[in-house]
């Protein structure tokens, strides 16, 4: 195990490398970290609010559908982008892994930090937008780390799994894309929970992303948080993912140099 300072420096360099590679040759560069969710927000708001006529129930913390949508979309984007970018991260760093004694588990962690940097910028934009639309910053914002930390842990644990699997099974990224699509629609990002109460309650109850989305919305926009049961479910999933993902990655990493 690396000492704390060298490990922190390594993670910083990996995150910076991933962040730069993501926008290399781009005219707008890191601004895409904010523009990307805003473009998605515009498209999805038009589709669900205007084309499909989606309406929010009166008990929601906000009646602004764009704010509702963005509050749920940001935690999902942190999760899905971390997994998607981590899937091919080890194969992209094959020369580094094969030629040096290198802690390969730091590569997905660097991807998470890089994604989290863009996530923080998008969160700041959402807070400002909410303030402009009548939701000034409140004490509920202090809850945000309580939901963001286990979400990051869940993302990293699963990122270790998909990164290791991709080394041996190159179809992993394709399977992941399909799995994330199904998982997305099982998470109340576009629609309020009322929509899922028609026979889908059991599915939502086992979805840790549900509690992350609801927690983010309550922290950013006010309203009722998921409570202790939701927090425990998300934290339990995060711990299980971190422990299981780390053990899986450690066993799989023994053969990385031969396969890569």
C-alpha atoms as a PDB file:
ATOM      1  CA  UNK A   1       0.000   0.000   0.000  1.00  0.00           C
ATOM      2  CA  UNK A   2       1.282   3.455  -0.915  1.00  0.00           C
ATOM      3  CA  UNK A   3       1.903   6.074   1.784  1.00  0.00           C
ATOM      4  CA  UNK A   4      -0.844   8.667   2.023  1.00  0.00           C
ATOM      5  CA  UNK A   5       0.972  11.586   0.367  1.00  0.00           C
ATOM      6  CA  UNK A   6       2.311   9.659  -2.676  1.00  0.00           C
ATOM      7  CA  UNK A   7      -1.092   7.976  -3.068  1.00  0.00           C
ATOM      8  CA  UNK A   8      -2.869  11.353  -2.992  1.00  0.00           C
ATOM      9  CA  UNK A   9      -0.417  12.756  -5.521  1.00  0.00           C
ATOM     10  CA  UNK A  10      -0.907   9.753  -7.793  1.00  0.00           C
ATOM     11  CA  UNK A  11      -4.689  10.056  -7.656  1.00  0.00           C
ATOM     12  CA  UNK A  12      -4.446  13.756  -8.431  1.00  0.00           C
ATOM     13  CA  UNK A  13      -2.248  13.105 -11.465  1.00  0.00           C
ATOM     14  CA  UNK A  14      -4.515  10.331 -12.735  1.00  0.00           C
ATOM     15  CA  UNK A  15      -7.613  12.481 -12.278  1.00  0.00           C
ATOM     16  CA  UNK A  16      -5.945  15.421 -14.035  1.00  0.00           C
ATOM     17  CA  UNK A  17      -4.813  13.150 -16.876  1.00  0.00           C
ATOM     18  CA  UNK A  18      -8.324  11.735 -17.333  1.00  0.00           C
ATOM     19  CA  UNK A  19      -9.886  15.201 -17.182  1.00  0.00           C
ATOM     20  CA  UNK A  20      -7.527  16.545 -19.826  1.00  0.00           C
ATOM     21  CA  UNK A  21      -7.917  13.518 -22.102  1.00  0.00           C
ATOM     22  CA  UNK A  22     -11.681  13.853 -21.964  1.00  0.00           C
ATOM     23  CA  UNK A  23     -11.570  17.315 -23.516  1.00  0.00           C
ATOM     24  CA  UNK A  24      -8.373  17.184 -25.576  1.00  0.00           C
ATOM     25  CA  UNK A  25      -8.848  19.112 -28.817  1.00  0.00           C
ATOM     26  CA  UNK A  26     -12.153  20.586 -27.606  1.00  0.00           C
ATOM     27  CA  UNK A  27     -12.744  24.306 -28.113  1.00  0.00           C
ATOM     28  CA  UNK A  28     -14.839  24.675 -24.960  1.00  0.00           C
ATOM     29  CA  UNK A  29     -12.813  22.255 -22.840  1.00  0.00           C
ATOM     30  CA  UNK A  30     -14.004  21.810 -19.248  1.00  0.00           C
ATOM     31  CA  UNK A  31     -17.081  23.964 -19.909  1.00  0.00           C
ATOM     32  CA  UNK A  32     -18.627  20.830 -21.388  1.00  0.00           C
ATOM     33  CA  UNK A  33     -18.896  19.478 -17.842  1.00  0.00           C
ATOM     34  CA  UNK A  34     -21.647  22.057 -17.314  1.00  0.00           C
ATOM     35  CA  UNK A  35     -22.956  22.328 -20.876  1.00  0.00           C
ATOM     36  CA  UNK A  36     -23.484  18.583 -21.292  1.00  0.00           C
ATOM     37  CA  UNK A  37     -26.067  18.211 -18.484  1.00  0.00           C
ATOM     38  CA  UNK A  38     -27.688  21.489 -19.521  1.00  0.00           C
ATOM     39  CA  UNK A  39     -28.136  20.257 -23.099  1.00  0.00           C
ATOM     40  CA  UNK A  40     -29.588  16.975 -21.823  1.00  0.00           C
ATOM     41  CA  UNK A  41     -31.820  18.959 -19.487  1.00  0.00           C
ATOM     42  CA  UNK A  42     -33.196  21.054 -22.362  1.00  0.00           C
ATOM     43  CA  UNK A  43     -33.929  18.023 -24.539  1.00  0.00           C
ATOM     44  CA  UNK A  44     -35.500  15.937 -21.791  1.00  0.00           C
ATOM     45  CA  UNK A  45     -37.559  18.843 -20.464  1.00  0.00           C
ATOM     46  CA  UNK A  46     -39.019  19.392 -23.911  1.00  0.00           C
ATOM     47  CA  UNK A  47     -39.796  15.696 -24.354  1.00  0.00           C
ATOM     48  CA  UNK A  48     -41.293  14.930 -20.965  1.00  0.00           C
ATOM     49  CA  UNK A  49     -42.874  18.257 -20.047  1.00  0.00           C
ATOM     50  CA  UNK A  50     -44.084  19.518 -23.391  1.00  0.00           C
ATOM     51  CA  UNK A  51     -44.306  16.477 -25.670  1.00  0.00           C
ATOM     52  CA  UNK A  52     -45.458  13.869 -23.111  1.00  0.00           C
ATOM     53  CA  UNK A  53     -47.186  16.263 -20.738  1.00  0.00           C
ATOM     54  CA  UNK A  54     -45.432  15.116 -17.548  1.00  0.00           C
ATOM     55  CA  UNK A  55     -46.522  17.054 -14.460  1.00  0.00           C
ATOM     56  CA  UNK A  56     -45.178  17.069 -10.936  1.00  0.00           C
ATOM     57  CA  UNK A  57     -47.445  16.246  -7.976  1.00  0.00           C
ATOM     58  CA  UNK A  58     -48.210  19.131  -5.589  1.00  0.00           C
ATOM     59  CA  UNK A  59     -46.201  17.564  -2.748  1.00  0.00           C
ATOM     60  CA  UNK A  60     -42.882  17.809  -4.627  1.00  0.00           C
ATOM     61  CA  UNK A  61     -40.319  20.286  -3.300  1.00  0.00           C
ATOM     62  CA  UNK A  62     -40.474  22.220  -6.572  1.00  0.00           C
ATOM     63  CA  UNK A  63     -42.935  22.642  -9.397  1.00  0.00           C
ATOM     64  CA  UNK A  64     -40.118  23.536 -11.786  1.00  0.00           C
ATOM     65  CA  UNK A  65     -39.647  20.444 -13.927  1.00  0.00           C
ATOM     66  CA  UNK A  66     -36.153  21.463 -15.139  1.00  0.00           C
ATOM     67  CA  UNK A  67     -34.922  21.777 -11.539  1.00  0.00           C
ATOM     68  CA  UNK A  68     -36.605  18.493 -10.596  1.00  0.00           C
ATOM     69  CA  UNK A  69     -35.020  16.767 -13.569  1.00  0.00           C
ATOM     70  CA  UNK A  70     -31.534  18.191 -13.084  1.00  0.00           C
ATOM     71  CA  UNK A  71     -31.587  17.387  -9.366  1.00  0.00           C
ATOM     72  CA  UNK A  72     -32.060  13.726 -10.247  1.00  0.00           C
ATOM     73  CA  UNK A  73     -29.898  13.659 -13.345  1.00  0.00           C
ATOM     74  CA  UNK A  74     -26.664  14.911 -11.727  1.00  0.00           C
ATOM     75  CA  UNK A  75     -26.207  11.998  -9.287  1.00  0.00           C
ATOM     76  CA  UNK A  76     -27.071   9.575 -12.074  1.00  0.00           C
ATOM     77  CA  UNK A  77     -24.505  11.141 -14.415  1.00  0.00           C
ATOM     78  CA  UNK A  78     -21.798  10.898 -11.742  1.00  0.00           C
ATOM     79  CA  UNK A  79     -22.573   7.210 -11.303  1.00  0.00           C
ATOM     80  CA  UNK A  80     -22.993   6.240 -14.957  1.00  0.00           C
ATOM     81  CA  UNK A  81     -20.042   8.270 -16.297  1.00  0.00           C
ATOM     82  CA  UNK A  82     -17.722   6.823 -13.663  1.00  0.00           C
ATOM     83  CA  UNK A  83     -18.651   3.267 -14.620  1.00  0.00           C
ATOM     84  CA  UNK A  84     -18.633   3.903 -18.365  1.00  0.00           C
ATOM     85  CA  UNK A  85     -15.242   5.628 -18.380  1.00  0.00           C
ATOM     86  CA  UNK A  86     -13.730   3.135 -15.927  1.00  0.00           C
ATOM     87  CA  UNK A  87     -14.670   0.147 -18.079  1.00  0.00           C
ATOM     88  CA  UNK A  88     -11.909   0.843 -20.599  1.00  0.00           C
ATOM     89  CA  UNK A  89      -9.528   2.670 -18.282  1.00  0.00           C
ATOM     90  CA  UNK A  90      -7.177  -0.269 -17.650  1.00  0.00           C
ATOM     91  CA  UNK A  91      -6.835  -1.203 -21.315  1.00  0.00           C
ATOM     92  CA  UNK A  92      -6.065   2.435 -22.100  1.00  0.00           C
ATOM     93  CA  UNK A  93      -3.238   2.344 -19.530  1.00  0.00           C
ATOM     94  CA  UNK A  94      -1.939  -1.078 -20.572  1.00  0.00           C
ATOM     95  CA  UNK A  95       1.652   0.098 -21.105  1.00  0.00           C
ATOM     96  CA  UNK A  96       1.756   1.643 -17.669  1.00  0.00           C
ATOM     97  CA  UNK A  97       0.418  -1.482 -15.988  1.00  0.00           C
ATOM     98  CA  UNK A  98       2.704  -3.903 -17.876  1.00  0.00           C
ATOM     99  CA  UNK A  99       5.964  -2.026 -17.583  1.00  0.00           C
ATOM    100  CA  UNK A 100       5.926  -0.708 -14.031  1.00  0.00           C
ATOM    101  CA  UNK A 101       4.990  -1.743 -10.522  1.00  0.00           C
ATOM    102  CA  UNK A 102       1.820   0.278 -10.516  1.00  0.00           C
ATOM    103  CA  UNK A 103      -1.265   0.236  -8.241  1.00  0.00           C
ATOM    104  CA  UNK A 104      -3.776  -0.335 -11.033  1.00  0.00           C
ATOM    105  CA  UNK A 105      -6.746   0.103  -8.688  1.00  0.00           C
ATOM    106  CA  UNK A 106      -5.873   3.800  -8.611  1.00  0.00           C
ATOM    107  CA  UNK A 107      -6.887   4.197 -12.266  1.00  0.00           C
ATOM    108  CA  UNK A 108     -10.668   3.835 -11.730  1.00  0.00           C
ATOM    109  CA  UNK A 109     -10.302   5.980  -8.605  1.00  0.00           C
ATOM    110  CA  UNK A 110      -8.714   8.685 -10.758  1.00  0.00           C
ATOM    111  CA  UNK A 111     -11.647   8.440 -13.176  1.00  0.00           C
ATOM    112  CA  UNK A 112     -14.036   8.953 -10.264  1.00  0.00           C
ATOM    113  CA  UNK A 113     -12.159  12.048  -9.095  1.00  0.00           C
ATOM    114  CA  UNK A 114     -12.110  13.460 -12.613  1.00  0.00           C
ATOM    115  CA  UNK A 115     -15.857  12.896 -12.988  1.00  0.00           C
ATOM    116  CA  UNK A 116     -16.455  14.360  -9.518  1.00  0.00           C
ATOM    117  CA  UNK A 117     -14.719  17.591 -10.546  1.00  0.00           C
ATOM    118  CA  UNK A 118     -17.192  18.104 -13.367  1.00  0.00           C
ATOM    119  CA  UNK A 119     -19.989  17.010 -11.053  1.00  0.00           C
ATOM    120  CA  UNK A 120     -19.070  19.743  -8.571  1.00  0.00           C
ATOM    121  CA  UNK A 121     -19.167  22.392 -11.320  1.00  0.00           C
ATOM    122  CA  UNK A 122     -22.585  21.207 -12.463  1.00  0.00           C
ATOM    123  CA  UNK A 123     -23.845  21.224  -8.865  1.00  0.00           C
ATOM    124  CA  UNK A 124     -22.741  24.832  -8.463  1.00  0.00           C
ATOM    125  CA  UNK A 125     -24.626  25.743 -11.648  1.00  0.00           C
ATOM    126  CA  UNK A 126     -27.746  23.981 -10.341  1.00  0.00           C
ATOM    127  CA  UNK A 127     -27.605  25.822  -7.013  1.00  0.00           C
ATOM    128  CA  UNK A 128     -27.390  29.153  -8.837  1.00  0.00           C
ATOM    129  CA  UNK A 129     -30.226  28.201 -11.193  1.00  0.00           C
ATOM    130  CA  UNK A 130     -32.398  27.087  -8.278  1.00  0.00           C
ATOM    131  CA  UNK A 131     -31.686  30.381  -6.491  1.00  0.00           C
ATOM    132  CA  UNK A 132     -32.766  32.318  -9.571  1.00  0.00           C
ATOM    133  CA  UNK A 133     -35.998  30.295  -9.758  1.00  0.00           C
ATOM    134  CA  UNK A 134     -37.009  30.837  -6.154  1.00  0.00           C
ATOM    135  CA  UNK A 135     -35.082  28.138  -4.275  1.00  0.00           C
ATOM    136  CA  UNK A 136     -32.318  30.018  -2.416  1.00  0.00           C
ATOM    137  CA  UNK A 137     -29.558  27.988  -0.744  1.00  0.00           C
ATOM    138  CA  UNK A 138     -30.801  26.539   2.552  1.00  0.00           C
ATOM    139  CA  UNK A 139     -29.434  24.486   5.427  1.00  0.00           C
ATOM    140  CA  UNK A 140     -30.583  21.381   3.578  1.00  0.00           C
ATOM    141  CA  UNK A 141     -27.488  21.790   1.380  1.00  0.00           C
ATOM    142  CA  UNK A 142     -25.435  20.554   4.341  1.00  0.00           C
ATOM    143  CA  UNK A 143     -27.019  17.128   3.760  1.00  0.00           C
ATOM    144  CA  UNK A 144     -25.480  16.829   0.300  1.00  0.00           C
ATOM    145  CA  UNK A 145     -22.185  15.182   1.378  1.00  0.00           C
ATOM    146  CA  UNK A 146     -24.224  12.554   3.255  1.00  0.00           C
ATOM    147  CA  UNK A 147     -25.629  11.407  -0.084  1.00  0.00           C
ATOM    148  CA  UNK A 148     -22.679  12.213  -2.337  1.00  0.00           C
ATOM    149  CA  UNK A 149     -20.123  10.225  -0.307  1.00  0.00           C
ATOM    150  CA  UNK A 150     -21.928   6.840  -0.440  1.00  0.00           C
ATOM    151  CA  UNK A 151     -22.831   7.492  -4.081  1.00  0.00           C
ATOM    152  CA  UNK A 152     -19.118   7.932  -4.826  1.00  0.00           C
ATOM    153  CA  UNK A 153     -18.324   4.760  -2.868  1.00  0.00           C
ATOM    154  CA  UNK A 154     -20.932   2.768  -4.789  1.00  0.00           C
ATOM    155  CA  UNK A 155     -19.592   4.148  -8.076  1.00  0.00           C
ATOM    156  CA  UNK A 156     -15.981   3.293  -7.240  1.00  0.00           C
ATOM    157  CA  UNK A 157     -16.752  -0.228  -6.050  1.00  0.00           C
ATOM    158  CA  UNK A 158     -18.645  -1.077  -9.233  1.00  0.00           C
ATOM    159  CA  UNK A 159     -16.034   0.757 -11.333  1.00  0.00           C
ATOM    160  CA  UNK A 160     -13.363  -1.641 -10.013  1.00  0.00           C
ATOM    161  CA  UNK A 161     -15.534  -4.577 -11.058  1.00  0.00           C
ATOM    162  CA  UNK A 162     -16.253  -3.419 -14.617  1.00  0.00           C
ATOM    163  CA  UNK A 163     -12.664  -2.247 -15.157  1.00  0.00           C
ATOM    164  CA  UNK A 164     -11.284  -5.644 -14.159  1.00  0.00           C
ATOM    165  CA  UNK A 165     -13.870  -7.543 -16.196  1.00  0.00           C
ATOM    166  CA  UNK A 166     -13.133  -5.491 -19.307  1.00  0.00           C
ATOM    167  CA  UNK A 167      -9.527  -6.708 -19.255  1.00  0.00           C
ATOM    168  CA  UNK A 168     -10.659 -10.326 -19.647  1.00  0.00           C
ATOM    169  CA  UNK A 169     -14.045  -9.895 -21.322  1.00  0.00           C
ATOM    170  CA  UNK A 170     -14.000  -7.122 -23.913  1.00  0.00           C
ATOM    171  CA  UNK A 171     -17.799  -7.249 -24.214  1.00  0.00           C
ATOM    172  CA  UNK A 172     -18.122  -5.866 -20.693  1.00  0.00           C
ATOM    173  CA  UNK A 173     -18.514  -2.258 -21.847  1.00  0.00           C
ATOM    174  CA  UNK A 174     -21.358  -3.269 -24.187  1.00  0.00           C
ATOM    175  CA  UNK A 175     -23.147  -5.219 -21.471  1.00  0.00           C
ATOM    176  CA  UNK A 176     -22.628  -2.299 -19.105  1.00  0.00           C
ATOM    177  CA  UNK A 177     -24.296   0.083 -21.563  1.00  0.00           C
ATOM    178  CA  UNK A 178     -27.402  -2.107 -21.691  1.00  0.00           C
ATOM    179  CA  UNK A 179     -27.427  -2.614 -17.917  1.00  0.00           C
ATOM    180  CA  UNK A 180     -27.139   1.116 -17.239  1.00  0.00           C
ATOM    181  CA  UNK A 181     -30.026   1.837 -19.601  1.00  0.00           C
ATOM    182  CA  UNK A 182     -32.267  -0.585 -17.708  1.00  0.00           C
ATOM    183  CA  UNK A 183     -31.027   0.750 -14.346  1.00  0.00           C
ATOM    184  CA  UNK A 184     -31.708   4.306 -15.460  1.00  0.00           C
ATOM    185  CA  UNK A 185     -35.384   3.641 -16.084  1.00  0.00           C
ATOM    186  CA  UNK A 186     -35.658   1.891 -12.715  1.00  0.00           C
ATOM    187  CA  UNK A 187     -34.496   5.128 -11.047  1.00  0.00           C
ATOM    188  CA  UNK A 188     -36.872   8.093 -10.493  1.00  0.00           C
ATOM    189  CA  UNK A 189     -34.880  10.620 -12.522  1.00  0.00           C
ATOM    190  CA  UNK A 190     -37.483  11.790 -15.042  1.00  0.00           C
ATOM    191  CA  UNK A 191     -40.636  10.944 -13.167  1.00  0.00           C
ATOM    192  CA  UNK A 192     -41.674  11.341  -9.517  1.00  0.00           C
ATOM    193  CA  UNK A 193     -41.963   8.302  -7.305  1.00  0.00           C
ATOM    194  CA  UNK A 194     -45.737   8.300  -7.637  1.00  0.00           C
ATOM    195  CA  UNK A 195     -45.279   6.922 -11.140  1.00  0.00           C
ATOM    196  CA  UNK A 196     -43.455   3.881  -9.783  1.00  0.00           C
ATOM    197  CA  UNK A 197     -46.061   2.966  -7.196  1.00  0.00           C
ATOM    198  CA  UNK A 198     -48.127   0.947  -9.629  1.00  0.00           C
ATOM    199  CA  UNK A 199     -46.498  -2.422  -9.031  1.00  0.00           C
ATOM    200  CA  UNK A 200     -42.874  -1.225  -9.150  1.00  0.00           C
ATOM    201  CA  UNK A 201     -42.408  -0.490  -5.439  1.00  0.00           C
ATOM    202  CA  UNK A 202     -40.337  -3.625  -4.856  1.00  0.00           C
ATOM    203  CA  UNK A 203     -38.030  -2.748  -7.748  1.00  0.00           C
ATOM    204  CA  UNK A 204     -37.428   0.746  -6.395  1.00  0.00           C
ATOM    205  CA  UNK A 205     -36.848  -0.483  -2.860  1.00  0.00           C
ATOM    206  CA  UNK A 206     -33.801  -2.498  -3.985  1.00  0.00           C
ATOM    207  CA  UNK A 207     -32.358   0.315  -6.080  1.00  0.00           C
ATOM    208  CA  UNK A 208     -29.721   2.281  -4.112  1.00  0.00           C
ATOM    209  CA  UNK A 209     -29.689   4.996  -6.806  1.00  0.00           C
ATOM    210  CA  UNK A 210     -33.261   5.794  -5.797  1.00  0.00           C
ATOM    211  CA  UNK A 211     -32.096   7.041  -2.419  1.00  0.00           C
ATOM    212  CA  UNK A 212     -29.203   8.978  -3.932  1.00  0.00           C
ATOM    213  CA  UNK A 213     -31.551  10.789  -6.321  1.00  0.00           C
ATOM    214  CA  UNK A 214     -34.111  11.550  -3.610  1.00  0.00           C
ATOM    215  CA  UNK A 215     -31.347  12.643  -1.239  1.00  0.00           C
ATOM    216  CA  UNK A 216     -29.848  15.013  -3.804  1.00  0.00           C
ATOM    217  CA  UNK A 217     -33.244  16.557  -4.529  1.00  0.00           C
ATOM    218  CA  UNK A 218     -34.026  17.076  -0.862  1.00  0.00           C
ATOM    219  CA  UNK A 219     -30.611  18.650  -0.252  1.00  0.00           C
ATOM    220  CA  UNK A 220     -30.671  20.918  -3.301  1.00  0.00           C
ATOM    221  CA  UNK A 221     -34.340  21.853  -3.483  1.00  0.00           C
ATOM    222  CA  UNK A 222     -35.684  21.163  -0.006  1.00  0.00           C
ATOM    223  CA  UNK A 223     -38.444  18.709   0.781  1.00  0.00           C
ATOM    224  CA  UNK A 224     -38.489  15.430   2.653  1.00  0.00           C
ATOM    225  CA  UNK A 225     -35.262  13.370   2.537  1.00  0.00           C
ATOM    226  CA  UNK A 226     -35.421   9.565   2.179  1.00  0.00           C
ATOM    227  CA  UNK A 227     -34.801   9.120   5.926  1.00  0.00           C
ATOM    228  CA  UNK A 228     -32.669   6.694   7.892  1.00  0.00           C
ATOM    229  CA  UNK A 229     -33.852   3.638   5.980  1.00  0.00           C
ATOM    230  CA  UNK A 230     -32.890   5.199   2.660  1.00  0.00           C
ATOM    231  CA  UNK A 231     -29.541   6.424   3.979  1.00  0.00           C
ATOM    232  CA  UNK A 232     -28.795   2.989   5.446  1.00  0.00           C
ATOM    233  CA  UNK A 233     -29.712   1.274   2.170  1.00  0.00           C
ATOM    234  CA  UNK A 234     -27.439   3.541   0.129  1.00  0.00           C
ATOM    235  CA  UNK A 235     -24.554   3.313   2.612  1.00  0.00           C
ATOM    236  CA  UNK A 236     -24.929  -0.468   2.845  1.00  0.00           C
ATOM    237  CA  UNK A 237     -24.814  -0.787  -0.940  1.00  0.00           C
ATOM    238  CA  UNK A 238     -21.747   1.474  -1.044  1.00  0.00           C
ATOM    239  CA  UNK A 239     -19.858  -0.556   1.581  1.00  0.00           C
ATOM    240  CA  UNK A 240     -20.764  -3.830  -0.121  1.00  0.00           C
ATOM    241  CA  UNK A 241     -19.646  -2.473  -3.503  1.00  0.00           C
ATOM    242  CA  UNK A 242     -16.357  -1.132  -2.122  1.00  0.00           C
ATOM    243  CA  UNK A 243     -15.453  -4.309  -0.243  1.00  0.00           C
ATOM    244  CA  UNK A 244     -16.639  -6.695  -2.957  1.00  0.00           C
ATOM    245  CA  UNK A 245     -15.205  -4.615  -5.776  1.00  0.00           C
ATOM    246  CA  UNK A 246     -11.820  -4.258  -4.073  1.00  0.00           C
ATOM    247  CA  UNK A 247     -11.543  -8.007  -3.402  1.00  0.00           C
ATOM    248  CA  UNK A 248     -12.606  -8.838  -6.944  1.00  0.00           C
ATOM    249  CA  UNK A 249     -10.153  -6.347  -8.427  1.00  0.00           C
ATOM    250  CA  UNK A 250      -7.290  -7.616  -6.266  1.00  0.00           C
ATOM    251  CA  UNK A 251      -7.811 -11.208  -7.420  1.00  0.00           C
ATOM    252  CA  UNK A 252      -8.289 -10.242 -11.052  1.00  0.00           C
ATOM    253  CA  UNK A 253      -5.251  -7.943 -11.118  1.00  0.00           C
ATOM    254  CA  UNK A 254      -2.834 -10.872 -10.767  1.00  0.00           C
ATOM    255  CA  UNK A 255      -3.269 -11.645 -14.456  1.00  0.00           C
ATOM    256  CA  UNK A 256      -3.532  -8.130 -15.878  1.00  0.00           C
ATOM    257  CA  UNK A 257       0.035  -7.970 -17.149  1.00  0.00           C
ATOM    258  CA  UNK A 258      -0.356 -11.254 -19.063  1.00  0.00           C
ATOM    259  CA  UNK A 259      -3.685 -10.379 -20.668  1.00  0.00           C
ATOM    260  CA  UNK A 260      -2.994  -6.734 -21.440  1.00  0.00           C
END
